[in-house]
Amino acid sequence: MRWTKPLSEAWKWQADAACRGMDSSVFFSPTGERGPARRRREEAARSRTRPGS
């Protein structure tokens, strides 16, 4: 028999995430966003979620 983790353990990473509570616009592009603007937003999002940020 295989036991699974309780859901609270399986999703704990969400509760502990550095991005918790941030506005979703940090991570999801607005309609029509392209090129340098998109790269800047994506890099800003990555920098906020890296360990030690």
PDB file of N, CA and C in Angstrom:
ATOM      1  N   MET A   1       0.842  -1.174   0.000  1.00  0.00           N
ATOM      2  CA  MET A   1       0.000   0.000   0.000  1.00  0.00           C
ATOM      3  C   MET A   1       0.891   1.242   0.000  1.00  0.00           C
ATOM      4  N   ARG A   2       0.530   2.206  -0.790  1.00  0.00           N
ATOM      5  CA  ARG A   2       1.307   3.444  -0.888  1.00  0.00           C
ATOM      6  C   ARG A   2       0.526   4.582  -0.239  1.00  0.00           C
ATOM      7  N   TRP A   3       1.176   5.269   0.657  1.00  0.00           N
ATOM      8  CA  TRP A   3       0.541   6.399   1.334  1.00  0.00           C
ATOM      9  C   TRP A   3       1.015   7.692   0.681  1.00  0.00           C
ATOM     10  N   THR A   4       0.134   8.619   0.564  1.00  0.00           N
ATOM     11  CA  THR A   4       0.507   9.921   0.012  1.00  0.00           C
ATOM     12  C   THR A   4       0.648  10.927   1.143  1.00  0.00           C
ATOM     13  N   LYS A   5       1.340  11.993   0.840  1.00  0.00           N
ATOM     14  CA  LYS A   5       1.497  13.073   1.819  1.00  0.00           C
ATOM     15  C   LYS A   5       0.170  13.806   1.994  1.00  0.00           C
ATOM     16  N   PRO A   6      -0.035  14.356   3.165  1.00  0.00           N
ATOM     17  CA  PRO A   6      -1.213  15.232   3.323  1.00  0.00           C
ATOM     18  C   PRO A   6      -1.081  16.423   2.372  1.00  0.00           C
ATOM     19  N   LEU A   7      -2.181  16.919   1.903  1.00  0.00           N
ATOM     20  CA  LEU A   7      -2.139  18.047   0.970  1.00  0.00           C
ATOM     21  C   LEU A   7      -1.374  19.236   1.523  1.00  0.00           C
ATOM     22  N   SER A   8      -1.487  19.483   2.811  1.00  0.00           N
ATOM     23  CA  SER A   8      -0.782  20.630   3.395  1.00  0.00           C
ATOM     24  C   SER A   8       0.723  20.507   3.204  1.00  0.00           C
ATOM     25  N   GLU A   9       1.260  19.287   3.227  1.00  0.00           N
ATOM     26  CA  GLU A   9       2.694  19.088   2.999  1.00  0.00           C
ATOM     27  C   GLU A   9       3.029  19.210   1.524  1.00  0.00           C
ATOM     28  N   ALA A  10       2.181  18.683   0.675  1.00  0.00           N
ATOM     29  CA  ALA A  10       2.438  18.717  -0.758  1.00  0.00           C
ATOM     30  C   ALA A  10       2.454  20.150  -1.298  1.00  0.00           C
ATOM     31  N   TRP A  11       1.691  21.030  -0.686  1.00  0.00           N
ATOM     32  CA  TRP A  11       1.587  22.406  -1.167  1.00  0.00           C
ATOM     33  C   TRP A  11       2.293  23.414  -0.259  1.00  0.00           C
ATOM     34  N   LYS A  12       3.075  22.936   0.691  1.00  0.00           N
ATOM     35  CA  LYS A  12       3.773  23.817   1.631  1.00  0.00           C
ATOM     36  C   LYS A  12       4.649  24.852   0.919  1.00  0.00           C
ATOM     37  N   TRP A  13       5.226  24.447  -0.214  1.00  0.00           N
ATOM     38  CA  TRP A  13       6.084  25.372  -0.948  1.00  0.00           C
ATOM     39  C   TRP A  13       5.342  26.655  -1.298  1.00  0.00           C
ATOM     40  N   GLN A  14       4.037  26.567  -1.530  1.00  0.00           N
ATOM     41  CA  GLN A  14       3.284  27.779  -1.861  1.00  0.00           C
ATOM     42  C   GLN A  14       3.188  28.718  -0.666  1.00  0.00           C
ATOM     43  N   ALA A  15       2.996  28.173   0.500  1.00  0.00           N
ATOM     44  CA  ALA A  15       2.906  29.002   1.703  1.00  0.00           C
ATOM     45  C   ALA A  15       4.243  29.658   2.019  1.00  0.00           C
ATOM     46  N   ASP A  16       5.336  28.966   1.679  1.00  0.00           N
ATOM     47  CA  ASP A  16       6.678  29.469   1.981  1.00  0.00           C
ATOM     48  C   ASP A  16       7.299  30.280   0.847  1.00  0.00           C
ATOM     49  N   ALA A  17       6.642  30.368  -0.281  1.00  0.00           N
ATOM     50  CA  ALA A  17       7.211  30.993  -1.478  1.00  0.00           C
ATOM     51  C   ALA A  17       7.515  32.476  -1.258  1.00  0.00           C
ATOM     52  N   ALA A  18       8.662  32.893  -1.768  1.00  0.00           N
ATOM     53  CA  ALA A  18       9.065  34.298  -1.669  1.00  0.00           C
ATOM     54  C   ALA A  18       8.096  35.213  -2.414  1.00  0.00           C
ATOM     55  N   CYS A  19       7.429  34.674  -3.419  1.00  0.00           N
ATOM     56  CA  CYS A  19       6.529  35.488  -4.235  1.00  0.00           C
ATOM     57  C   CYS A  19       5.126  35.580  -3.655  1.00  0.00           C
ATOM     58  N   ARG A  20       4.870  34.929  -2.562  1.00  0.00           N
ATOM     59  CA  ARG A  20       3.526  34.915  -1.983  1.00  0.00           C
ATOM     60  C   ARG A  20       3.070  36.342  -1.675  1.00  0.00           C
ATOM     61  N   GLY A  21       1.914  36.684  -2.168  1.00  0.00           N
ATOM     62  CA  GLY A  21       1.357  38.008  -1.916  1.00  0.00           C
ATOM     63  C   GLY A  21       1.732  39.061  -2.947  1.00  0.00           C
ATOM     64  N   MET A  22       2.662  38.734  -3.849  1.00  0.00           N
ATOM     65  CA  MET A  22       3.037  39.700  -4.887  1.00  0.00           C
ATOM     66  C   MET A  22       1.932  39.792  -5.925  1.00  0.00           C
ATOM     67  N   ASP A  23       1.838  40.936  -6.541  1.00  0.00           N
ATOM     68  CA  ASP A  23       0.867  41.137  -7.606  1.00  0.00           C
ATOM     69  C   ASP A  23       1.193  40.213  -8.778  1.00  0.00           C
ATOM     70  N   SER A  24       0.183  39.600  -9.369  1.00  0.00           N
ATOM     71  CA  SER A  24       0.411  38.656 -10.461  1.00  0.00           C
ATOM     72  C   SER A  24       1.015  39.316 -11.700  1.00  0.00           C
ATOM     73  N   SER A  25       0.896  40.635 -11.833  1.00  0.00           N
ATOM     74  CA  SER A  25       1.473  41.315 -12.994  1.00  0.00           C
ATOM     75  C   SER A  25       2.994  41.233 -13.007  1.00  0.00           C
ATOM     76  N   VAL A  26       3.596  40.906 -11.869  1.00  0.00           N
ATOM     77  CA  VAL A  26       5.042  40.704 -11.816  1.00  0.00           C
ATOM     78  C   VAL A  26       5.416  39.474 -12.649  1.00  0.00           C
ATOM     79  N   PHE A  27       4.548  38.479 -12.687  1.00  0.00           N
ATOM     80  CA  PHE A  27       4.852  37.193 -13.316  1.00  0.00           C
ATOM     81  C   PHE A  27       4.153  36.945 -14.642  1.00  0.00           C
ATOM     82  N   PHE A  28       3.030  37.601 -14.880  1.00  0.00           N
ATOM     83  CA  PHE A  28       2.265  37.353 -16.095  1.00  0.00           C
ATOM     84  C   PHE A  28       2.237  38.607 -16.954  1.00  0.00           C
ATOM     85  N   SER A  29       2.582  38.429 -18.217  1.00  0.00           N
ATOM     86  CA  SER A  29       2.699  39.580 -19.109  1.00  0.00           C
ATOM     87  C   SER A  29       1.348  40.148 -19.505  1.00  0.00           C
ATOM     88  N   PRO A  30       1.304  41.468 -19.653  1.00  0.00           N
ATOM     89  CA  PRO A  30       0.083  42.076 -20.167  1.00  0.00           C
ATOM     90  C   PRO A  30      -0.041  41.770 -21.669  1.00  0.00           C
ATOM     91  N   THR A  31      -1.232  41.876 -22.186  1.00  0.00           N
ATOM     92  CA  THR A  31      -1.462  41.648 -23.607  1.00  0.00           C
ATOM     93  C   THR A  31      -0.563  42.555 -24.432  1.00  0.00           C
ATOM     94  N   GLY A  32       0.128  41.964 -25.378  1.00  0.00           N
ATOM     95  CA  GLY A  32       0.960  42.748 -26.288  1.00  0.00           C
ATOM     96  C   GLY A  32       2.368  43.030 -25.809  1.00  0.00           C
ATOM     97  N   GLU A  33       2.719  42.623 -24.606  1.00  0.00           N
ATOM     98  CA  GLU A  33       4.076  42.877 -24.119  1.00  0.00           C
ATOM     99  C   GLU A  33       5.068  42.058 -24.934  1.00  0.00           C
ATOM    100  N   ARG A  34       6.105  42.693 -25.438  1.00  0.00           N
ATOM    101  CA  ARG A  34       7.090  42.023 -26.282  1.00  0.00           C
ATOM    102  C   ARG A  34       8.495  42.554 -25.987  1.00  0.00           C
ATOM    103  N   GLY A  35       9.463  41.853 -26.514  1.00  0.00           N
ATOM    104  CA  GLY A  35      10.850  42.303 -26.551  1.00  0.00           C
ATOM    105  C   GLY A  35      11.445  42.704 -25.220  1.00  0.00           C
ATOM    106  N   PRO A  36      12.137  43.848 -25.205  1.00  0.00           N
ATOM    107  CA  PRO A  36      12.874  44.283 -24.011  1.00  0.00           C
ATOM    108  C   PRO A  36      11.998  44.451 -22.765  1.00  0.00           C
ATOM    109  N   ALA A  37      10.773  44.934 -22.941  1.00  0.00           N
ATOM    110  CA  ALA A  37       9.889  45.123 -21.780  1.00  0.00           C
ATOM    111  C   ALA A  37       9.586  43.775 -21.126  1.00  0.00           C
ATOM    112  N   ARG A  38       9.341  42.770 -21.936  1.00  0.00           N
ATOM    113  CA  ARG A  38       9.049  41.438 -21.405  1.00  0.00           C
ATOM    114  C   ARG A  38      10.277  40.848 -20.715  1.00  0.00           C
ATOM    115  N   ARG A  39      11.429  40.984 -21.342  1.00  0.00           N
ATOM    116  CA  ARG A  39      12.659  40.457 -20.728  1.00  0.00           C
ATOM    117  C   ARG A  39      12.946  41.138 -19.389  1.00  0.00           C
ATOM    118  N   ARG A  40      12.736  42.445 -19.306  1.00  0.00           N
ATOM    119  CA  ARG A  40      12.959  43.159 -18.034  1.00  0.00           C
ATOM    120  C   ARG A  40      12.010  42.658 -16.953  1.00  0.00           C
ATOM    121  N   ARG A  41      10.721  42.498 -17.293  1.00  0.00           N
ATOM    122  CA  ARG A  41       9.754  42.015 -16.315  1.00  0.00           C
ATOM    123  C   ARG A  41      10.091  40.602 -15.874  1.00  0.00           C
ATOM    124  N   GLU A  42      10.449  39.737 -16.818  1.00  0.00           N
ATOM    125  CA  GLU A  42      10.786  38.357 -16.468  1.00  0.00           C
ATOM    126  C   GLU A  42      12.013  38.291 -15.576  1.00  0.00           C
ATOM    127  N   GLU A  43      13.025  39.082 -15.877  1.00  0.00           N
ATOM    128  CA  GLU A  43      14.233  39.080 -15.041  1.00  0.00           C
ATOM    129  C   GLU A  43      13.930  39.632 -13.651  1.00  0.00           C
ATOM    130  N   ALA A  44      13.095  40.655 -13.574  1.00  0.00           N
ATOM    131  CA  ALA A  44      12.700  41.190 -12.263  1.00  0.00           C
ATOM    132  C   ALA A  44      11.961  40.124 -11.463  1.00  0.00           C
ATOM    133  N   ALA A  45      11.094  39.375 -12.111  1.00  0.00           N
ATOM    134  CA  ALA A  45      10.360  38.297 -11.420  1.00  0.00           C
ATOM    135  C   ALA A  45      11.330  37.231 -10.928  1.00  0.00           C
ATOM    136  N   ARG A  46      12.270  36.842 -11.768  1.00  0.00           N
ATOM    137  CA  ARG A  46      13.259  35.815 -11.362  1.00  0.00           C
ATOM    138  C   ARG A  46      14.079  36.308 -10.176  1.00  0.00           C
ATOM    139  N   SER A  47      14.483  37.566 -10.215  1.00  0.00           N
ATOM    140  CA  SER A  47      15.337  38.079  -9.140  1.00  0.00           C
ATOM    141  C   SER A  47      14.595  38.117  -7.797  1.00  0.00           C
ATOM    142  N   ARG A  48      13.280  38.263  -7.829  1.00  0.00           N
ATOM    143  CA  ARG A  48      12.480  38.285  -6.594  1.00  0.00           C
ATOM    144  C   ARG A  48      12.268  36.909  -6.011  1.00  0.00           C
ATOM    145  N   THR A  49      12.426  35.878  -6.827  1.00  0.00           N
ATOM    146  CA  THR A  49      12.160  34.528  -6.345  1.00  0.00           C
ATOM    147  C   THR A  49      13.417  33.707  -6.135  1.00  0.00           C
ATOM    148  N   ARG A  50      14.575  34.264  -6.400  1.00  0.00           N
ATOM    149  CA  ARG A  50      15.829  33.547  -6.153  1.00  0.00           C
ATOM    150  C   ARG A  50      16.098  33.479  -4.669  1.00  0.00           C
ATOM    151  N   PRO A  51      16.688  32.377  -4.234  1.00  0.00           N
ATOM    152  CA  PRO A  51      17.059  32.290  -2.804  1.00  0.00           C
ATOM    153  C   PRO A  51      17.976  33.454  -2.421  1.00  0.00           C
ATOM    154  N   GLY A  52      17.727  34.016  -1.265  1.00  0.00           N
ATOM    155  CA  GLY A  52      18.541  35.124  -0.777  1.00  0.00           C
ATOM    156  C   GLY A  52      18.123  36.478  -1.294  1.00  0.00           C
ATOM    157  N   SER A  53      17.027  36.554  -2.044  1.00  0.00           N
ATOM    158  CA  SER A  53      16.603  37.873  -2.549  1.00  0.00           C
ATOM    159  C   SER A  53      15.700  38.556  -1.572  1.00  0.00           C
TER     160      SER A  53
END
